[in-house]
């Protein structure tokens, strides 16, 4: 009788463990999908912000360029044109970020770093693992203490 009961308990425990494993895998998959979705939305917001900023900065740049050029012609001296140089670099960067290929170039360079210079990406004390995380969790847990 005890054997039948323990066999039933073992089968029940095994099915419960399988269910928990499947559930944790499903939860991890959902978390990964959610993190990727949030990353994509944040990137889209960054691009949209850059494009909106470019409209305002482009207007400022156009007025500044016209005003500085008129000032240089009026004074017959090229000095007032100097601020156009750094403003041009800022405008070009913002345009490349909003409408150009800057993000593709950054992605390509990031992939290159991942492929050829992965030693630069190593974390201090190495990568985290499950045992380290559990040790930290247990030390910080206020619910119960495992023995």
C-alpha atoms as a PDB file:
ATOM      1  CA  UNK A   1       0.000   0.000   0.000  1.00  0.00           C
ATOM      2  CA  UNK A   2       2.788   2.410   0.880  1.00  0.00           C
ATOM      3  CA  UNK A   3       4.540   1.544  -2.391  1.00  0.00           C
ATOM      4  CA  UNK A   4       1.484   2.468  -4.459  1.00  0.00           C
ATOM      5  CA  UNK A   5       1.090   5.730  -2.545  1.00  0.00           C
ATOM      6  CA  UNK A   6       4.772   6.666  -2.965  1.00  0.00           C
ATOM      7  CA  UNK A   7       4.638   5.755  -6.675  1.00  0.00           C
ATOM      8  CA  UNK A   8       1.609   8.014  -7.093  1.00  0.00           C
ATOM      9  CA  UNK A   9       3.428  10.796  -5.217  1.00  0.00           C
ATOM     10  CA  UNK A  10       6.530  10.384  -7.407  1.00  0.00           C
ATOM     11  CA  UNK A  11       4.438  10.549 -10.576  1.00  0.00           C
ATOM     12  CA  UNK A  12       2.582  13.581  -9.256  1.00  0.00           C
ATOM     13  CA  UNK A  13       5.865  15.260  -8.306  1.00  0.00           C
ATOM     14  CA  UNK A  14       7.359  14.501 -11.721  1.00  0.00           C
ATOM     15  CA  UNK A  15       4.355  15.954 -13.572  1.00  0.00           C
ATOM     16  CA  UNK A  16       4.413  18.998 -11.299  1.00  0.00           C
ATOM     17  CA  UNK A  17       8.129  19.509 -12.006  1.00  0.00           C
ATOM     18  CA  UNK A  18       7.516  19.207 -15.750  1.00  0.00           C
ATOM     19  CA  UNK A  19       4.703  21.734 -15.506  1.00  0.00           C
ATOM     20  CA  UNK A  20       6.909  24.146 -13.531  1.00  0.00           C
ATOM     21  CA  UNK A  21       9.732  23.781 -16.060  1.00  0.00           C
ATOM     22  CA  UNK A  22       7.377  24.448 -18.968  1.00  0.00           C
ATOM     23  CA  UNK A  23       5.855  27.391 -17.114  1.00  0.00           C
ATOM     24  CA  UNK A  24       9.244  28.938 -16.328  1.00  0.00           C
ATOM     25  CA  UNK A  25      10.364  28.529 -19.954  1.00  0.00           C
ATOM     26  CA  UNK A  26       7.169  30.173 -21.147  1.00  0.00           C
ATOM     27  CA  UNK A  27       7.660  33.008 -18.665  1.00  0.00           C
ATOM     28  CA  UNK A  28      11.262  33.508 -19.802  1.00  0.00           C
ATOM     29  CA  UNK A  29      10.197  33.557 -23.452  1.00  0.00           C
ATOM     30  CA  UNK A  30       7.548  36.165 -22.685  1.00  0.00           C
ATOM     31  CA  UNK A  31      10.069  38.284 -20.793  1.00  0.00           C
ATOM     32  CA  UNK A  32      12.505  38.154 -23.697  1.00  0.00           C
ATOM     33  CA  UNK A  33       9.774  39.123 -26.166  1.00  0.00           C
ATOM     34  CA  UNK A  34       8.650  41.960 -23.915  1.00  0.00           C
ATOM     35  CA  UNK A  35      12.201  43.271 -23.496  1.00  0.00           C
ATOM     36  CA  UNK A  36      12.747  43.202 -27.256  1.00  0.00           C
ATOM     37  CA  UNK A  37       9.428  44.968 -27.856  1.00  0.00           C
ATOM     38  CA  UNK A  38      10.341  47.655 -25.311  1.00  0.00           C
ATOM     39  CA  UNK A  39      13.782  48.095 -26.914  1.00  0.00           C
ATOM     40  CA  UNK A  40      12.196  48.517 -30.351  1.00  0.00           C
ATOM     41  CA  UNK A  41       9.701  51.055 -29.013  1.00  0.00           C
ATOM     42  CA  UNK A  42      12.442  53.025 -27.259  1.00  0.00           C
ATOM     43  CA  UNK A  43      14.525  53.067 -30.435  1.00  0.00           C
ATOM     44  CA  UNK A  44      11.509  54.240 -32.445  1.00  0.00           C
ATOM     45  CA  UNK A  45      10.920  57.011 -29.902  1.00  0.00           C
ATOM     46  CA  UNK A  46      14.571  58.057 -30.131  1.00  0.00           C
ATOM     47  CA  UNK A  47      14.392  58.255 -33.931  1.00  0.00           C
ATOM     48  CA  UNK A  48      11.095  60.172 -33.754  1.00  0.00           C
ATOM     49  CA  UNK A  49      12.596  62.588 -31.200  1.00  0.00           C
ATOM     50  CA  UNK A  50      15.622  63.120 -33.440  1.00  0.00           C
ATOM     51  CA  UNK A  51      13.429  63.846 -36.451  1.00  0.00           C
ATOM     52  CA  UNK A  52      11.324  66.312 -34.474  1.00  0.00           C
ATOM     53  CA  UNK A  53      14.433  67.998 -33.053  1.00  0.00           C
ATOM     54  CA  UNK A  54      15.853  68.220 -36.568  1.00  0.00           C
ATOM     55  CA  UNK A  55      12.863  70.290 -37.714  1.00  0.00           C
ATOM     56  CA  UNK A  56      13.456  72.890 -35.024  1.00  0.00           C
ATOM     57  CA  UNK A  57      17.235  72.816 -35.285  1.00  0.00           C
ATOM     58  CA  UNK A  58      17.041  72.984 -39.087  1.00  0.00           C
ATOM     59  CA  UNK A  59      14.933  76.119 -38.850  1.00  0.00           C
ATOM     60  CA  UNK A  60      17.374  77.651 -36.362  1.00  0.00           C
ATOM     61  CA  UNK A  61      20.311  76.628 -38.565  1.00  0.00           C
ATOM     62  CA  UNK A  62      18.747  78.210 -41.655  1.00  0.00           C
ATOM     63  CA  UNK A  63      18.047  81.515 -39.881  1.00  0.00           C
ATOM     64  CA  UNK A  64      21.523  81.509 -38.305  1.00  0.00           C
ATOM     65  CA  UNK A  65      23.223  80.762 -41.624  1.00  0.00           C
ATOM     66  CA  UNK A  66      21.322  83.540 -43.407  1.00  0.00           C
ATOM     67  CA  UNK A  67      21.930  86.013 -40.580  1.00  0.00           C
ATOM     68  CA  UNK A  68      25.619  85.164 -40.192  1.00  0.00           C
ATOM     69  CA  UNK A  69      26.165  85.323 -43.952  1.00  0.00           C
ATOM     70  CA  UNK A  70      24.421  88.689 -44.135  1.00  0.00           C
ATOM     71  CA  UNK A  71      26.570  89.916 -41.237  1.00  0.00           C
ATOM     72  CA  UNK A  72      29.746  88.730 -42.934  1.00  0.00           C
ATOM     73  CA  UNK A  73      28.770  90.464 -46.186  1.00  0.00           C
ATOM     74  CA  UNK A  74      27.792  93.642 -44.381  1.00  0.00           C
ATOM     75  CA  UNK A  75      31.043  93.805 -42.392  1.00  0.00           C
ATOM     76  CA  UNK A  76      33.090  92.515 -45.313  1.00  0.00           C
ATOM     77  CA  UNK A  77      34.821  90.178 -42.927  1.00  0.00           C
ATOM     78  CA  UNK A  78      34.431  86.338 -42.804  1.00  0.00           C
ATOM     79  CA  UNK A  79      34.592  86.179 -38.975  1.00  0.00           C
ATOM     80  CA  UNK A  80      30.823  85.935 -38.381  1.00  0.00           C
ATOM     81  CA  UNK A  81      30.720  82.780 -40.559  1.00  0.00           C
ATOM     82  CA  UNK A  82      32.791  80.763 -38.025  1.00  0.00           C
ATOM     83  CA  UNK A  83      29.784  79.493 -35.978  1.00  0.00           C
ATOM     84  CA  UNK A  84      28.349  77.899 -39.130  1.00  0.00           C
ATOM     85  CA  UNK A  85      31.072  75.210 -39.037  1.00  0.00           C
ATOM     86  CA  UNK A  86      30.107  73.541 -35.712  1.00  0.00           C
ATOM     87  CA  UNK A  87      26.417  74.109 -36.407  1.00  0.00           C
ATOM     88  CA  UNK A  88      26.873  72.283 -39.727  1.00  0.00           C
ATOM     89  CA  UNK A  89      28.385  69.264 -37.960  1.00  0.00           C
ATOM     90  CA  UNK A  90      25.513  69.174 -35.468  1.00  0.00           C
ATOM     91  CA  UNK A  91      22.956  69.484 -38.261  1.00  0.00           C
ATOM     92  CA  UNK A  92      24.644  66.735 -40.322  1.00  0.00           C
ATOM     93  CA  UNK A  93      24.757  64.387 -37.311  1.00  0.00           C
ATOM     94  CA  UNK A  94      21.099  64.968 -36.463  1.00  0.00           C
ATOM     95  CA  UNK A  95      20.054  64.473 -40.088  1.00  0.00           C
ATOM     96  CA  UNK A  96      22.080  61.256 -40.321  1.00  0.00           C
ATOM     97  CA  UNK A  97      20.531  60.008 -37.082  1.00  0.00           C
ATOM     98  CA  UNK A  98      16.957  60.848 -38.112  1.00  0.00           C
ATOM     99  CA  UNK A  99      16.936  60.112 -41.826  1.00  0.00           C
ATOM    100  CA  UNK A 100      20.319  58.691 -42.763  1.00  0.00           C
ATOM    101  CA  UNK A 101      22.166  55.455 -42.168  1.00  0.00           C
ATOM    102  CA  UNK A 102      23.752  56.226 -38.795  1.00  0.00           C
ATOM    103  CA  UNK A 103      21.767  53.546 -36.971  1.00  0.00           C
ATOM    104  CA  UNK A 104      22.692  50.893 -39.550  1.00  0.00           C
ATOM    105  CA  UNK A 105      26.371  51.852 -39.284  1.00  0.00           C
ATOM    106  CA  UNK A 106      26.176  51.757 -35.489  1.00  0.00           C
ATOM    107  CA  UNK A 107      24.503  48.341 -35.634  1.00  0.00           C
ATOM    108  CA  UNK A 108      27.200  47.072 -38.023  1.00  0.00           C
ATOM    109  CA  UNK A 109      29.962  48.349 -35.755  1.00  0.00           C
ATOM    110  CA  UNK A 110      28.283  46.796 -32.715  1.00  0.00           C
ATOM    111  CA  UNK A 111      28.071  43.444 -34.534  1.00  0.00           C
ATOM    112  CA  UNK A 112      31.747  43.790 -35.481  1.00  0.00           C
ATOM    113  CA  UNK A 113      32.666  44.407 -31.833  1.00  0.00           C
ATOM    114  CA  UNK A 114      30.594  41.405 -30.743  1.00  0.00           C
ATOM    115  CA  UNK A 115      32.254  39.190 -33.365  1.00  0.00           C
ATOM    116  CA  UNK A 116      35.887  40.313 -33.210  1.00  0.00           C
ATOM    117  CA  UNK A 117      36.435  42.136 -29.917  1.00  0.00           C
ATOM    118  CA  UNK A 118      34.260  40.257 -27.456  1.00  0.00           C
ATOM    119  CA  UNK A 119      36.966  40.467 -24.776  1.00  0.00           C
ATOM    120  CA  UNK A 120      36.060  44.138 -24.369  1.00  0.00           C
ATOM    121  CA  UNK A 121      32.557  43.107 -23.320  1.00  0.00           C
ATOM    122  CA  UNK A 122      33.515  40.865 -20.415  1.00  0.00           C
ATOM    123  CA  UNK A 123      31.929  41.769 -17.096  1.00  0.00           C
ATOM    124  CA  UNK A 124      34.058  42.167 -13.980  1.00  0.00           C
ATOM    125  CA  UNK A 125      34.144  38.841 -12.087  1.00  0.00           C
ATOM    126  CA  UNK A 126      32.774  37.096 -15.179  1.00  0.00           C
ATOM    127  CA  UNK A 127      29.200  36.524 -16.279  1.00  0.00           C
ATOM    128  CA  UNK A 128      26.424  36.031 -13.760  1.00  0.00           C
ATOM    129  CA  UNK A 129      25.133  32.523 -13.294  1.00  0.00           C
ATOM    130  CA  UNK A 130      22.180  30.990 -11.538  1.00  0.00           C
ATOM    131  CA  UNK A 131      24.092  30.030  -8.404  1.00  0.00           C
ATOM    132  CA  UNK A 132      25.449  33.562  -7.916  1.00  0.00           C
ATOM    133  CA  UNK A 133      22.004  35.063  -8.394  1.00  0.00           C
ATOM    134  CA  UNK A 134      20.483  32.620  -5.911  1.00  0.00           C
ATOM    135  CA  UNK A 135      23.188  33.423  -3.359  1.00  0.00           C
ATOM    136  CA  UNK A 136      22.452  37.153  -3.731  1.00  0.00           C
ATOM    137  CA  UNK A 137      18.703  36.549  -3.608  1.00  0.00           C
ATOM    138  CA  UNK A 138      18.963  34.472  -0.442  1.00  0.00           C
ATOM    139  CA  UNK A 139      21.137  37.080   1.254  1.00  0.00           C
ATOM    140  CA  UNK A 140      18.650  39.845   0.405  1.00  0.00           C
ATOM    141  CA  UNK A 141      15.443  37.893   0.921  1.00  0.00           C
ATOM    142  CA  UNK A 142      13.216  39.113   3.745  1.00  0.00           C
ATOM    143  CA  UNK A 143      10.544  36.423   3.341  1.00  0.00           C
ATOM    144  CA  UNK A 144      12.258  33.309   4.595  1.00  0.00           C
ATOM    145  CA  UNK A 145      15.677  31.847   5.147  1.00  0.00           C
ATOM    146  CA  UNK A 146      16.535  28.556   3.479  1.00  0.00           C
ATOM    147  CA  UNK A 147      18.781  26.088   5.271  1.00  0.00           C
END
